[in-house]
Protein backbone atom coordinates (compact mmCIF):
# COMPACT_ATOMS: atom_id res chain seq x y z
CA MET A 1 -15.35 -72.70 15.31
CA GLY A 2 -15.09 -72.26 11.00
CA LEU A 3 -13.27 -73.60 8.48
CA ALA A 4 -13.74 -72.31 5.11
CA ALA A 5 -12.04 -71.72 1.65
CA GLU A 6 -8.72 -74.04 0.71
CA GLN A 7 -7.31 -73.74 -3.01
CA GLY A 8 -3.90 -75.64 -2.84
CA GLN A 9 -0.78 -73.01 -2.39
CA ASN A 10 -3.29 -69.86 -2.68
CA SER A 11 -5.29 -71.13 0.40
CA VAL A 12 -6.98 -68.90 2.33
CA THR A 13 -8.17 -70.77 6.09
CA VAL A 14 -11.30 -68.64 8.20
CA VAL A 15 -11.08 -69.52 12.03
CA SER A 16 -15.23 -68.35 13.52
CA ILE A 17 -13.82 -68.29 16.73
CA GLU A 18 -17.61 -68.21 18.58
CA GLU A 19 -18.90 -67.22 22.05
CA ALA A 20 -19.97 -69.51 24.98
CA ASN A 21 -24.09 -69.67 25.39
CA ASN A 22 -23.24 -66.78 27.49
CA ALA A 23 -21.28 -63.72 28.60
CA LEU A 24 -20.17 -64.89 31.88
CA ALA A 25 -19.00 -67.69 30.48
CA THR A 26 -16.93 -66.59 27.49
CA MET A 27 -15.66 -64.91 30.26
CA LEU A 28 -14.04 -67.97 32.22
CA MET A 29 -12.58 -69.48 28.82
CA VAL A 30 -11.20 -66.19 28.21
CA GLY A 31 -9.36 -66.01 31.95
CA ALA A 32 -8.43 -69.84 31.32
CA LEU A 33 -6.92 -69.01 28.10
CA ASN A 34 -5.34 -66.14 29.27
CA SER A 35 -3.29 -68.39 32.87
CA GLY A 36 -2.38 -70.79 30.01
CA VAL A 37 -4.66 -73.59 29.40
CA PRO A 38 -5.17 -74.39 25.81
CA SER A 39 -8.51 -74.73 24.47
CA GLY A 40 -10.02 -76.66 21.59
CA ASN A 41 -9.67 -73.69 19.50
CA SER A 42 -6.37 -72.58 20.71
CA GLY A 43 -5.32 -76.01 19.66
CA VAL A 44 -6.38 -75.78 15.97
CA VAL A 45 -5.11 -72.11 15.42
CA ARG A 46 -1.99 -74.17 16.71
CA GLN A 47 -1.70 -76.78 14.26
CA PHE A 48 -1.56 -73.87 11.76
CA PHE A 49 1.21 -72.42 12.82
CA GLU A 50 3.24 -76.06 13.20
CA GLY A 51 2.46 -76.22 9.56
CA LYS A 52 -0.33 -79.30 10.35
CA PHE A 53 -2.54 -77.37 7.24
CA LYS A 54 -0.44 -76.00 4.57
CA VAL A 55 -2.67 -72.57 3.75
CA LYS A 56 -0.82 -69.62 3.05
CA VAL A 57 -3.11 -67.39 5.24
CA LEU A 58 -4.56 -67.57 8.04
CA GLY A 59 -8.09 -65.76 9.32
CA VAL A 60 -9.49 -65.57 12.79
CA VAL A 61 -13.12 -63.83 13.41
CA GLY A 62 -15.45 -63.55 16.39
CA ASP A 63 -18.02 -61.45 17.65
CA ASP A 64 -16.28 -60.92 21.28
CA ASP A 65 -12.44 -59.38 21.23
CA ALA A 66 -10.94 -60.57 24.17
CA LEU A 67 -11.94 -64.02 23.28
CA THR A 68 -10.60 -64.25 19.59
CA ALA A 69 -7.96 -62.24 21.01
CA ALA A 70 -6.63 -64.65 23.89
CA THR A 71 -7.13 -67.72 21.78
CA VAL A 72 -4.90 -66.42 19.50
CA ALA A 73 -2.38 -65.56 22.03
CA ARG A 74 -2.61 -68.87 23.26
CA ALA A 75 -1.55 -70.24 20.12
CA LEU A 76 1.21 -68.07 19.49
CA GLU A 77 2.42 -68.99 23.86
CA ASP A 78 1.70 -72.11 22.93
CA VAL A 79 4.31 -72.30 19.51
CA LYS A 80 7.09 -69.25 20.86
CA GLY A 81 10.87 -71.20 20.87
CA LYS A 82 9.41 -73.74 17.84
CA ALA A 83 9.41 -73.78 14.34
CA VAL A 84 6.79 -72.47 13.01
CA SER A 85 4.86 -72.73 8.84
CA ASP A 86 4.93 -69.71 6.61
CA VAL A 87 1.84 -68.73 7.14
CA SER A 88 0.07 -65.32 7.58
CA LEU A 89 -1.59 -64.88 10.49
CA LEU A 90 -4.77 -62.38 9.52
CA VAL A 91 -7.45 -61.27 13.14
CA VAL A 92 -10.13 -58.68 12.74
CA LEU A 93 -9.58 -57.42 15.51
CA ASP A 94 -11.20 -53.47 16.81
CA ASP A 95 -9.15 -53.47 21.07
CA GLU A 96 -6.27 -51.67 20.74
CA ALA A 97 -4.87 -53.07 23.53
CA GLN A 98 -5.77 -56.54 22.08
CA ARG A 99 -3.85 -55.73 18.72
CA SER A 100 -1.14 -54.88 20.49
CA ARG A 101 -0.84 -57.84 22.87
CA LEU A 102 -0.94 -60.19 20.19
CA ALA A 103 1.96 -58.29 18.16
CA ALA A 104 3.85 -58.47 20.40
CA LEU A 105 3.48 -62.27 20.67
CA ALA A 106 3.14 -62.95 17.04
CA GLU A 107 6.52 -60.72 17.12
CA ALA A 108 8.01 -63.14 19.95
CA ALA A 109 6.61 -66.10 17.88
CA GLY A 110 7.81 -65.65 14.34
CA VAL A 111 4.52 -65.42 13.29
CA ARG A 112 3.11 -62.81 10.64
CA LEU A 113 0.75 -60.83 11.74
CA VAL A 114 -1.90 -58.56 9.89
CA LEU A 115 -4.47 -56.98 11.92
CA ALA A 116 -7.31 -55.58 10.50
CA PRO A 117 -10.23 -53.74 11.64
CA PRO A 118 -13.85 -55.32 11.30
CA GLN A 119 -16.11 -53.84 8.74
CA ARG A 120 -18.66 -52.12 9.59
């Protein structure tokens, strides 16, 4: 996971969700997240929603759409029904089904979501 760029009121922070060492381990991580088990990365994203870090925009990127989406989804599900900070969430995903899932979860959690396809 990497964090970047903080600039006061106009701060932008990027969280990069890295894959595991192999495809099987990545699939297991996705399964665990989708089953309700939080990860270190989902916890960091959740903390932005909870207002622990003062940023206007949180960007989340990763090489694996399923893992990136599962990480963000876990964080959104963990804050559903709680007060969330005034942070906009920008997620870079190519998978349309994952994009639709995250849009519904973000709306339910009260988080502003912007979805962007990866640049090629």
